[in-house]
Amino acid sequence: MDVDLGDLVDLEQQFYDIGYKEGVNHGREHGLIEGRMLGKEKGFEIWEELGFYLGFAAVWLQILRSQSDSESRSVGHISHLLELIRAFPMHNPSKDHELNDFDIIGSLNRIRGRYKAVCASLGVKPRLISSNLQSKAADNEAPSLPDISQEDQESTNKPRVWSFMEAAKKAGTDGLSF
């Protein structure tokens, strides 16, 4: 019986090579599946944000036009925001050769900046956190209430919407309510 000792010496390397090839194939398959799932999730988050900006701009543009204030600075900012949103690709730019060099992050940052400019020109506080992050934050922690002293309240001459100290007194048990 002839046994090639060279094959026995190389046996460990052969098993390693077979395992490596199977691992690469398995990783490629599962990486593709995982990448598509992550891409869909992140794509949805981006379009949710852009949809918010689009709806915000459309509503405010309609309000300003109904007030016959169509020549204001806000209308210009809103029009530019709408142009930026319309220019954002609605498909995967890596498959399209002319959009292959499109900077998605840069474009998204320009849209966010224009949104902030629109909010500043309208005197509206911008919502800068996506709804997914807001809902997760709301689940994890209770909302904090501002602690306004009586002196601060009297100096602003604004009616109190939420009387924090009165609610704590009503709760009993040293300000804790269950």
N, C-alpha and C. Protein backbone atom coordinates (compact mmCIF):
# COMPACT_ATOMS: atom_id res chain seq x y z
N MET A 1 0.83 -1.16 0.00
CA MET A 1 0.00 0.00 0.00
C MET A 1 0.88 1.24 0.00
N ASP A 2 0.71 2.06 -1.06
CA ASP A 2 1.49 3.29 -1.19
C ASP A 2 0.70 4.47 -0.63
N VAL A 3 1.25 5.13 0.34
CA VAL A 3 0.63 6.32 0.94
C VAL A 3 1.57 7.48 0.69
N ASP A 4 1.02 8.53 0.12
CA ASP A 4 1.83 9.71 -0.14
C ASP A 4 1.87 10.55 1.12
N LEU A 5 3.01 10.61 1.75
CA LEU A 5 3.15 11.36 3.00
C LEU A 5 3.02 12.86 2.78
N GLY A 6 3.26 13.31 1.57
CA GLY A 6 3.11 14.75 1.26
C GLY A 6 1.66 15.20 1.43
N ASP A 7 0.71 14.33 1.03
CA ASP A 7 -0.70 14.66 1.19
C ASP A 7 -1.09 14.71 2.67
N LEU A 8 -0.53 13.82 3.47
CA LEU A 8 -0.83 13.82 4.91
C LEU A 8 -0.27 15.06 5.59
N VAL A 9 0.89 15.51 5.18
CA VAL A 9 1.48 16.71 5.77
C VAL A 9 0.64 17.93 5.42
N ASP A 10 0.10 17.94 4.22
CA ASP A 10 -0.67 19.09 3.72
C ASP A 10 -2.16 18.98 4.05
N LEU A 11 -2.56 17.96 4.79
CA LEU A 11 -3.97 17.71 5.09
C LEU A 11 -4.62 18.87 5.84
N GLU A 12 -3.95 19.42 6.83
CA GLU A 12 -4.49 20.53 7.61
C GLU A 12 -4.73 21.75 6.72
N GLN A 13 -3.80 22.05 5.83
CA GLN A 13 -3.94 23.19 4.93
C GLN A 13 -5.09 22.98 3.96
N GLN A 14 -5.30 21.74 3.52
CA GLN A 14 -6.41 21.45 2.62
C GLN A 14 -7.75 21.72 3.30
N PHE A 15 -7.91 21.27 4.54
CA PHE A 15 -9.14 21.52 5.29
C PHE A 15 -9.33 23.02 5.53
N TYR A 16 -8.24 23.70 5.82
CA TYR A 16 -8.31 25.14 6.04
C TYR A 16 -8.78 25.84 4.77
N ASP A 17 -8.23 25.49 3.61
CA ASP A 17 -8.60 26.11 2.33
C ASP A 17 -10.07 25.85 1.99
N ILE A 18 -10.53 24.62 2.22
CA ILE A 18 -11.95 24.30 1.96
C ILE A 18 -12.85 25.11 2.88
N GLY A 19 -12.52 25.18 4.16
CA GLY A 19 -13.31 25.96 5.11
C GLY A 19 -13.30 27.44 4.78
N TYR A 20 -12.16 27.95 4.35
CA TYR A 20 -12.05 29.36 3.99
C TYR A 20 -12.95 29.69 2.80
N LYS A 21 -12.93 28.85 1.76
CA LYS A 21 -13.76 29.08 0.58
C LYS A 21 -15.24 29.03 0.94
N GLU A 22 -15.64 28.06 1.77
CA GLU A 22 -17.04 27.97 2.18
C GLU A 22 -17.44 29.18 3.03
N GLY A 23 -16.53 29.63 3.89
CA GLY A 23 -16.82 30.81 4.72
C GLY A 23 -16.97 32.08 3.89
N VAL A 24 -16.13 32.24 2.87
CA VAL A 24 -16.24 33.41 2.00
C VAL A 24 -17.57 33.39 1.25
N ASN A 25 -17.95 32.24 0.72
CA ASN A 25 -19.23 32.14 0.01
C ASN A 25 -20.40 32.41 0.94
N HIS A 26 -20.35 31.84 2.13
CA HIS A 26 -21.42 32.05 3.11
C HIS A 26 -21.48 33.53 3.51
N GLY A 27 -20.33 34.15 3.76
CA GLY A 27 -20.28 35.56 4.13
C GLY A 27 -20.78 36.47 3.03
N ARG A 28 -20.45 36.13 1.78
CA ARG A 28 -20.91 36.93 0.65
C ARG A 28 -22.44 36.88 0.55
N GLU A 29 -22.99 35.70 0.71
CA GLU A 29 -24.45 35.53 0.62
C GLU A 29 -25.17 36.28 1.75
N HIS A 30 -24.72 36.07 2.98
CA HIS A 30 -25.38 36.72 4.12
C HIS A 30 -25.07 38.21 4.19
N GLY A 31 -23.90 38.60 3.73
CA GLY A 31 -23.57 40.03 3.67
C GLY A 31 -24.47 40.77 2.70
N LEU A 32 -24.79 40.14 1.59
CA LEU A 32 -25.69 40.73 0.62
C LEU A 32 -27.09 40.89 1.21
N ILE A 33 -27.57 39.86 1.88
CA ILE A 33 -28.90 39.93 2.50
C ILE A 33 -28.93 41.01 3.58
N GLU A 34 -27.91 41.01 4.45
CA GLU A 34 -27.85 42.00 5.53
C GLU A 34 -27.69 43.41 4.98
N GLY A 35 -26.89 43.56 3.94
CA GLY A 35 -26.69 44.87 3.32
C GLY A 35 -27.97 45.42 2.71
N ARG A 36 -28.73 44.56 2.08
CA ARG A 36 -30.02 45.01 1.51
C ARG A 36 -30.99 45.43 2.61
N MET A 37 -31.03 44.67 3.69
CA MET A 37 -31.93 45.03 4.80
C MET A 37 -31.53 46.37 5.40
N LEU A 38 -30.23 46.56 5.64
CA LEU A 38 -29.74 47.82 6.20
C LEU A 38 -29.98 48.97 5.23
N GLY A 39 -29.77 48.72 3.95
CA GLY A 39 -30.00 49.75 2.94
C GLY A 39 -31.45 50.19 2.89
N LYS A 40 -32.37 49.23 2.99
CA LYS A 40 -33.79 49.58 3.00
C LYS A 40 -34.14 50.39 4.24
N GLU A 41 -33.60 50.00 5.38
CA GLU A 41 -33.88 50.72 6.63
C GLU A 41 -33.36 52.15 6.56
N LYS A 42 -32.11 52.32 6.16
CA LYS A 42 -31.51 53.66 6.09
C LYS A 42 -32.16 54.49 4.99
N GLY A 43 -32.48 53.86 3.87
CA GLY A 43 -33.17 54.56 2.80
C GLY A 43 -34.52 55.07 3.25
N PHE A 44 -35.24 54.27 4.01
CA PHE A 44 -36.54 54.70 4.52
C PHE A 44 -36.37 55.88 5.46
N GLU A 45 -35.35 55.84 6.32
CA GLU A 45 -35.12 56.95 7.25
C GLU A 45 -34.81 58.24 6.51
N ILE A 46 -34.00 58.15 5.44
CA ILE A 46 -33.67 59.35 4.66
C ILE A 46 -34.93 59.90 3.99
N TRP A 47 -35.72 59.01 3.40
CA TRP A 47 -36.93 59.49 2.71
C TRP A 47 -37.99 59.96 3.68
N GLU A 48 -38.01 59.42 4.88
CA GLU A 48 -38.94 59.93 5.89
C GLU A 48 -38.56 61.37 6.24
N GLU A 49 -37.27 61.62 6.40
CA GLU A 49 -36.80 62.97 6.70
C GLU A 49 -37.08 63.91 5.54
N LEU A 50 -36.79 63.49 4.31
CA LEU A 50 -37.05 64.34 3.16
C LEU A 50 -38.55 64.59 2.97
N GLY A 51 -39.35 63.58 3.26
CA GLY A 51 -40.81 63.76 3.19
C GLY A 51 -41.30 64.78 4.19
N PHE A 52 -40.71 64.78 5.37
CA PHE A 52 -41.07 65.79 6.36
C PHE A 52 -40.73 67.18 5.85
N TYR A 53 -39.51 67.34 5.30
CA TYR A 53 -39.11 68.64 4.78
C TYR A 53 -40.00 69.07 3.62
N LEU A 54 -40.36 68.14 2.75
CA LEU A 54 -41.21 68.44 1.62
C LEU A 54 -42.60 68.88 2.08
N GLY A 55 -43.19 68.15 3.02
CA GLY A 55 -44.50 68.53 3.54
C GLY A 55 -44.46 69.86 4.27
N PHE A 56 -43.41 70.07 5.07
CA PHE A 56 -43.24 71.33 5.80
C PHE A 56 -43.18 72.50 4.82
N ALA A 57 -42.35 72.35 3.77
CA ALA A 57 -42.18 73.42 2.80
C ALA A 57 -43.47 73.68 2.03
N ALA A 58 -44.16 72.62 1.64
CA ALA A 58 -45.40 72.79 0.87
C ALA A 58 -46.47 73.50 1.68
N VAL A 59 -46.60 73.15 2.95
CA VAL A 59 -47.61 73.78 3.80
C VAL A 59 -47.28 75.26 4.00
N TRP A 60 -46.04 75.56 4.33
CA TRP A 60 -45.68 76.95 4.57
C TRP A 60 -45.74 77.78 3.29
N LEU A 61 -45.41 77.21 2.16
CA LEU A 61 -45.52 77.93 0.90
C LEU A 61 -46.98 78.27 0.61
N GLN A 62 -47.86 77.34 0.88
CA GLN A 62 -49.30 77.58 0.68
C GLN A 62 -49.81 78.66 1.64
N ILE A 63 -49.35 78.62 2.88
CA ILE A 63 -49.76 79.63 3.86
C ILE A 63 -49.29 81.01 3.44
N LEU A 64 -48.03 81.11 3.03
CA LEU A 64 -47.48 82.42 2.64
C LEU A 64 -48.15 82.94 1.37
N ARG A 65 -48.46 82.06 0.44
CA ARG A 65 -49.14 82.50 -0.78
C ARG A 65 -50.57 82.92 -0.50
N SER A 66 -51.23 82.27 0.45
CA SER A 66 -52.60 82.66 0.78
C SER A 66 -52.64 84.01 1.48
N GLN A 67 -51.54 84.39 2.12
CA GLN A 67 -51.45 85.70 2.77
C GLN A 67 -50.91 86.75 1.81
N SER A 68 -50.82 86.40 0.53
CA SER A 68 -50.26 87.25 -0.53
C SER A 68 -48.91 87.82 -0.14
N ASP A 69 -48.09 86.97 0.47
CA ASP A 69 -46.74 87.35 0.86
C ASP A 69 -45.76 86.54 0.02
N SER A 70 -45.99 86.53 -1.30
CA SER A 70 -45.21 85.65 -2.17
C SER A 70 -43.85 86.23 -2.53
N GLU A 71 -43.51 87.41 -2.09
CA GLU A 71 -42.21 88.00 -2.40
C GLU A 71 -41.28 88.02 -1.19
N SER A 72 -41.63 87.33 -0.13
CA SER A 72 -40.81 87.38 1.09
C SER A 72 -39.57 86.51 0.96
N ARG A 73 -38.65 86.71 1.86
CA ARG A 73 -37.42 85.92 1.91
C ARG A 73 -37.73 84.46 2.19
N SER A 74 -38.75 84.22 3.00
CA SER A 74 -39.13 82.85 3.35
C SER A 74 -39.54 82.06 2.11
N VAL A 75 -40.26 82.71 1.20
CA VAL A 75 -40.70 82.02 -0.02
C VAL A 75 -39.48 81.62 -0.85
N GLY A 76 -38.48 82.47 -0.91
CA GLY A 76 -37.26 82.13 -1.64
C GLY A 76 -36.55 80.94 -1.02
N HIS A 77 -36.45 80.93 0.32
CA HIS A 77 -35.82 79.80 1.00
C HIS A 77 -36.62 78.51 0.76
N ILE A 78 -37.94 78.63 0.83
CA ILE A 78 -38.78 77.44 0.63
C ILE A 78 -38.64 76.92 -0.80
N SER A 79 -38.62 77.82 -1.77
CA SER A 79 -38.47 77.40 -3.17
C SER A 79 -37.14 76.70 -3.39
N HIS A 80 -36.08 77.23 -2.77
CA HIS A 80 -34.77 76.60 -2.91
C HIS A 80 -34.76 75.23 -2.23
N LEU A 81 -35.42 75.12 -1.07
CA LEU A 81 -35.53 73.83 -0.38
C LEU A 81 -36.25 72.81 -1.26
N LEU A 82 -37.33 73.22 -1.88
CA LEU A 82 -38.08 72.31 -2.77
C LEU A 82 -37.24 71.89 -3.97
N GLU A 83 -36.43 72.80 -4.52
CA GLU A 83 -35.54 72.45 -5.63
C GLU A 83 -34.51 71.41 -5.20
N LEU A 84 -33.94 71.59 -4.01
CA LEU A 84 -32.95 70.63 -3.51
C LEU A 84 -33.56 69.26 -3.31
N ILE A 85 -34.79 69.22 -2.80
CA ILE A 85 -35.47 67.93 -2.57
C ILE A 85 -35.79 67.26 -3.90
N ARG A 86 -36.24 68.04 -4.88
CA ARG A 86 -36.55 67.46 -6.20
C ARG A 86 -35.30 66.92 -6.89
N ALA A 87 -34.14 67.52 -6.62
CA ALA A 87 -32.90 67.08 -7.25
C ALA A 87 -32.33 65.82 -6.60
N PHE A 88 -32.84 65.45 -5.44
CA PHE A 88 -32.35 64.27 -4.74
C PHE A 88 -32.77 63.02 -5.51
N PRO A 89 -31.85 62.07 -5.75
CA PRO A 89 -32.21 60.90 -6.57
C PRO A 89 -33.23 60.00 -5.88
N MET A 90 -34.12 59.45 -6.69
CA MET A 90 -35.16 58.56 -6.17
C MET A 90 -34.82 57.10 -6.42
N HIS A 91 -33.65 56.82 -6.90
CA HIS A 91 -33.22 55.45 -7.14
C HIS A 91 -31.76 55.33 -6.74
N ASN A 92 -31.24 54.14 -6.79
CA ASN A 92 -29.87 53.89 -6.37
C ASN A 92 -28.90 54.52 -7.38
N PRO A 93 -28.18 55.56 -6.97
CA PRO A 93 -27.30 56.23 -7.93
C PRO A 93 -26.09 55.40 -8.34
N SER A 94 -25.75 54.35 -7.61
CA SER A 94 -24.58 53.54 -7.98
C SER A 94 -24.85 52.72 -9.23
N LYS A 95 -26.12 52.50 -9.59
CA LYS A 95 -26.46 51.75 -10.79
C LYS A 95 -26.55 52.65 -12.02
N ASP A 96 -26.61 53.96 -11.79
CA ASP A 96 -26.73 54.92 -12.87
C ASP A 96 -25.39 55.61 -13.06
N HIS A 97 -24.82 55.51 -14.24
CA HIS A 97 -23.47 56.02 -14.46
C HIS A 97 -23.38 57.53 -14.33
N GLU A 98 -24.42 58.27 -14.73
CA GLU A 98 -24.33 59.72 -14.63
C GLU A 98 -24.50 60.21 -13.19
N LEU A 99 -25.12 59.43 -12.33
CA LEU A 99 -25.28 59.81 -10.93
C LEU A 99 -24.28 59.08 -10.03
N ASN A 100 -23.31 58.42 -10.61
CA ASN A 100 -22.37 57.63 -9.83
C ASN A 100 -21.57 58.48 -8.86
N ASP A 101 -21.31 59.74 -9.21
CA ASP A 101 -20.52 60.63 -8.35
C ASP A 101 -21.41 61.52 -7.49
N PHE A 102 -22.70 61.24 -7.41
CA PHE A 102 -23.62 62.06 -6.62
C PHE A 102 -23.31 61.92 -5.13
N ASP A 103 -23.18 63.05 -4.45
CA ASP A 103 -22.86 63.07 -3.03
C ASP A 103 -24.16 63.12 -2.22
N ILE A 104 -24.63 61.96 -1.78
CA ILE A 104 -25.90 61.89 -1.06
C ILE A 104 -25.80 62.60 0.28
N ILE A 105 -24.73 62.37 1.02
CA ILE A 105 -24.58 63.00 2.34
C ILE A 105 -24.47 64.51 2.20
N GLY A 106 -23.70 64.98 1.22
CA GLY A 106 -23.58 66.43 1.00
C GLY A 106 -24.91 67.06 0.63
N SER A 107 -25.65 66.39 -0.25
CA SER A 107 -26.96 66.90 -0.65
C SER A 107 -27.93 66.91 0.52
N LEU A 108 -27.90 65.87 1.32
CA LEU A 108 -28.77 65.82 2.50
C LEU A 108 -28.40 66.92 3.49
N ASN A 109 -27.12 67.19 3.66
CA ASN A 109 -26.69 68.27 4.55
C ASN A 109 -27.11 69.64 4.02
N ARG A 110 -27.07 69.84 2.69
CA ARG A 110 -27.54 71.11 2.11
C ARG A 110 -29.05 71.28 2.33
N ILE A 111 -29.79 70.18 2.21
CA ILE A 111 -31.24 70.24 2.45
C ILE A 111 -31.52 70.58 3.90
N ARG A 112 -30.78 69.95 4.82
CA ARG A 112 -30.97 70.24 6.24
C ARG A 112 -30.63 71.70 6.55
N GLY A 113 -29.57 72.20 5.94
CA GLY A 113 -29.20 73.60 6.15
C GLY A 113 -30.25 74.55 5.63
N ARG A 114 -30.80 74.25 4.46
CA ARG A 114 -31.85 75.11 3.89
C ARG A 114 -33.11 75.04 4.75
N TYR A 115 -33.40 73.87 5.30
CA TYR A 115 -34.55 73.72 6.20
C TYR A 115 -34.37 74.62 7.43
N LYS A 116 -33.16 74.65 7.98
CA LYS A 116 -32.89 75.52 9.13
C LYS A 116 -33.06 76.99 8.74
N ALA A 117 -32.63 77.35 7.53
CA ALA A 117 -32.80 78.73 7.07
C ALA A 117 -34.28 79.08 6.91
N VAL A 118 -35.06 78.14 6.40
CA VAL A 118 -36.51 78.37 6.27
C VAL A 118 -37.12 78.57 7.65
N CYS A 119 -36.75 77.72 8.60
CA CYS A 119 -37.29 77.84 9.95
C CYS A 119 -36.90 79.18 10.58
N ALA A 120 -35.67 79.60 10.37
CA ALA A 120 -35.22 80.87 10.93
C ALA A 120 -35.98 82.03 10.31
N SER A 121 -36.23 81.97 9.01
CA SER A 121 -36.94 83.07 8.36
C SER A 121 -38.42 83.10 8.75
N LEU A 122 -38.96 81.95 9.12
CA LEU A 122 -40.37 81.89 9.54
C LEU A 122 -40.55 82.10 11.04
N GLY A 123 -39.46 81.98 11.79
CA GLY A 123 -39.55 82.08 13.25
C GLY A 123 -40.11 80.81 13.87
N VAL A 124 -39.84 79.67 13.24
CA VAL A 124 -40.34 78.38 13.70
C VAL A 124 -39.16 77.58 14.23
N LYS A 125 -39.37 76.86 15.33
CA LYS A 125 -38.31 76.02 15.87
C LYS A 125 -38.16 74.77 15.01
N PRO A 126 -36.95 74.49 14.50
CA PRO A 126 -36.78 73.32 13.64
C PRO A 126 -36.82 72.02 14.43
N ARG A 127 -37.34 70.98 13.79
CA ARG A 127 -37.34 69.63 14.35
C ARG A 127 -36.16 68.93 13.70
N LEU A 128 -35.10 68.70 14.47
CA LEU A 128 -33.87 68.18 13.89
C LEU A 128 -33.65 66.71 14.18
N ILE A 129 -34.54 66.06 14.89
CA ILE A 129 -34.40 64.64 15.21
C ILE A 129 -35.44 63.87 14.42
N SER A 130 -35.01 62.79 13.77
CA SER A 130 -35.97 62.01 13.00
C SER A 130 -36.97 61.36 13.95
N SER A 131 -38.12 61.01 13.43
CA SER A 131 -39.18 60.45 14.27
C SER A 131 -38.77 59.12 14.88
N ASN A 132 -37.94 58.33 14.20
CA ASN A 132 -37.49 57.06 14.78
C ASN A 132 -36.69 57.31 16.04
N LEU A 133 -35.81 58.30 16.01
CA LEU A 133 -35.01 58.60 17.19
C LEU A 133 -35.88 59.19 18.29
N GLN A 134 -36.87 60.02 17.92
CA GLN A 134 -37.75 60.60 18.92
C GLN A 134 -38.55 59.53 19.64
N SER A 135 -39.07 58.56 18.89
CA SER A 135 -39.89 57.52 19.52
C SER A 135 -39.04 56.64 20.42
N LYS A 136 -37.79 56.35 20.03
CA LYS A 136 -36.91 55.56 20.88
C LYS A 136 -36.54 56.32 22.14
N ALA A 137 -36.29 57.62 22.01
CA ALA A 137 -35.95 58.44 23.18
C ALA A 137 -37.14 58.55 24.11
N ALA A 138 -38.33 58.65 23.55
CA ALA A 138 -39.53 58.76 24.38
C ALA A 138 -39.79 57.47 25.15
N ASP A 139 -39.44 56.34 24.55
CA ASP A 139 -39.64 55.07 25.24
C ASP A 139 -38.65 54.88 26.38
N ASN A 140 -37.44 55.42 26.22
CA ASN A 140 -36.38 55.17 27.19
C ASN A 140 -36.37 56.12 28.37
N GLU A 141 -36.85 57.33 28.20
CA GLU A 141 -36.77 58.27 29.31
C GLU A 141 -38.02 59.13 29.36
N ALA A 142 -38.35 59.55 30.55
CA ALA A 142 -39.51 60.41 30.74
C ALA A 142 -39.15 61.82 30.30
N PRO A 143 -40.10 62.58 29.80
CA PRO A 143 -39.80 63.94 29.39
C PRO A 143 -39.44 64.80 30.59
N SER A 144 -38.49 65.68 30.39
CA SER A 144 -38.11 66.56 31.49
C SER A 144 -38.94 67.83 31.43
N LEU A 145 -39.32 68.31 32.58
CA LEU A 145 -40.11 69.53 32.68
C LEU A 145 -39.19 70.67 33.10
N PRO A 146 -39.34 71.82 32.48
CA PRO A 146 -38.49 72.93 32.86
C PRO A 146 -38.84 73.42 34.26
N ASP A 147 -37.83 73.74 35.02
CA ASP A 147 -38.03 74.25 36.37
C ASP A 147 -37.93 75.77 36.32
N ILE A 148 -39.07 76.43 36.28
CA ILE A 148 -39.11 77.88 36.18
C ILE A 148 -39.46 78.42 37.57
N SER A 149 -38.59 79.28 38.06
CA SER A 149 -38.87 79.86 39.38
C SER A 149 -39.98 80.88 39.27
N GLN A 150 -40.57 81.22 40.41
CA GLN A 150 -41.67 82.18 40.43
C GLN A 150 -41.20 83.55 39.94
N GLU A 151 -39.96 83.91 40.27
CA GLU A 151 -39.44 85.20 39.83
C GLU A 151 -39.31 85.24 38.31
N ASP A 152 -38.81 84.15 37.72
CA ASP A 152 -38.69 84.10 36.27
C ASP A 152 -40.05 84.16 35.61
N GLN A 153 -41.03 83.50 36.21
CA GLN A 153 -42.38 83.49 35.66
C GLN A 153 -42.97 84.89 35.68
N GLU A 154 -42.80 85.60 36.78
CA GLU A 154 -43.36 86.94 36.87
C GLU A 154 -42.64 87.90 35.94
N SER A 155 -41.33 87.69 35.72
CA SER A 155 -40.58 88.60 34.86
C SER A 155 -40.95 88.43 33.39
N THR A 156 -41.39 87.25 32.98
CA THR A 156 -41.74 87.05 31.58
C THR A 156 -43.18 87.47 31.29
N ASN A 157 -44.02 87.61 32.32
CA ASN A 157 -45.42 88.00 32.17
C ASN A 157 -46.19 87.10 31.22
N LYS A 158 -45.81 85.84 31.16
CA LYS A 158 -46.53 84.87 30.34
C LYS A 158 -47.29 83.94 31.27
N PRO A 159 -48.48 83.51 30.88
CA PRO A 159 -49.21 82.59 31.74
C PRO A 159 -48.50 81.24 31.79
N ARG A 160 -48.54 80.64 32.94
CA ARG A 160 -47.91 79.32 33.10
C ARG A 160 -48.79 78.26 32.48
N VAL A 161 -48.18 77.44 31.68
CA VAL A 161 -48.92 76.35 31.06
C VAL A 161 -48.89 75.14 31.97
N TRP A 162 -47.77 74.91 32.58
CA TRP A 162 -47.58 73.75 33.44
C TRP A 162 -47.00 74.21 34.75
N SER A 163 -47.74 74.05 35.81
CA SER A 163 -47.24 74.45 37.10
C SER A 163 -46.57 73.24 37.75
N PHE A 164 -45.27 73.20 37.66
CA PHE A 164 -44.52 72.05 38.10
C PHE A 164 -44.60 71.86 39.60
N MET A 165 -44.44 72.92 40.35
CA MET A 165 -44.43 72.80 41.80
C MET A 165 -45.82 72.43 42.33
N GLU A 166 -46.87 72.98 41.73
CA GLU A 166 -48.21 72.62 42.17
C GLU A 166 -48.51 71.14 41.91
N ALA A 167 -48.04 70.62 40.79
CA ALA A 167 -48.26 69.21 40.48
C ALA A 167 -47.50 68.34 41.47
N ALA A 168 -46.32 68.77 41.89
CA ALA A 168 -45.55 67.99 42.86
C ALA A 168 -46.23 68.00 44.22
N LYS A 169 -46.83 69.11 44.61
CA LYS A 169 -47.52 69.19 45.90
C LYS A 169 -48.77 68.31 45.91
N LYS A 170 -49.49 68.28 44.77
CA LYS A 170 -50.70 67.48 44.66
C LYS A 170 -50.39 65.98 44.68
N ALA A 171 -49.20 65.62 44.22
CA ALA A 171 -48.85 64.21 44.12
C ALA A 171 -48.70 63.55 45.48
N GLY A 172 -48.32 64.31 46.48
CA GLY A 172 -48.15 63.75 47.82
C GLY A 172 -46.92 62.88 47.89
N THR A 173 -46.75 62.16 48.95
CA THR A 173 -45.61 61.27 49.19
C THR A 173 -44.29 61.91 48.77
N ASP A 174 -44.04 63.05 49.33
CA ASP A 174 -42.78 63.79 49.10
C ASP A 174 -42.54 64.09 47.63
N GLY A 175 -43.60 64.43 46.92
CA GLY A 175 -43.44 64.83 45.53
C GLY A 175 -43.38 63.68 44.55
N LEU A 176 -43.54 62.45 45.03
CA LEU A 176 -43.48 61.32 44.11
C LEU A 176 -44.89 60.81 43.82
N SER A 177 -45.15 60.50 42.58
CA SER A 177 -46.44 59.92 42.23
C SER A 177 -46.19 58.61 41.50
N PHE A 178 -47.02 57.64 41.77
CA PHE A 178 -46.83 56.32 41.17
C PHE A 178 -48.01 55.94 40.33
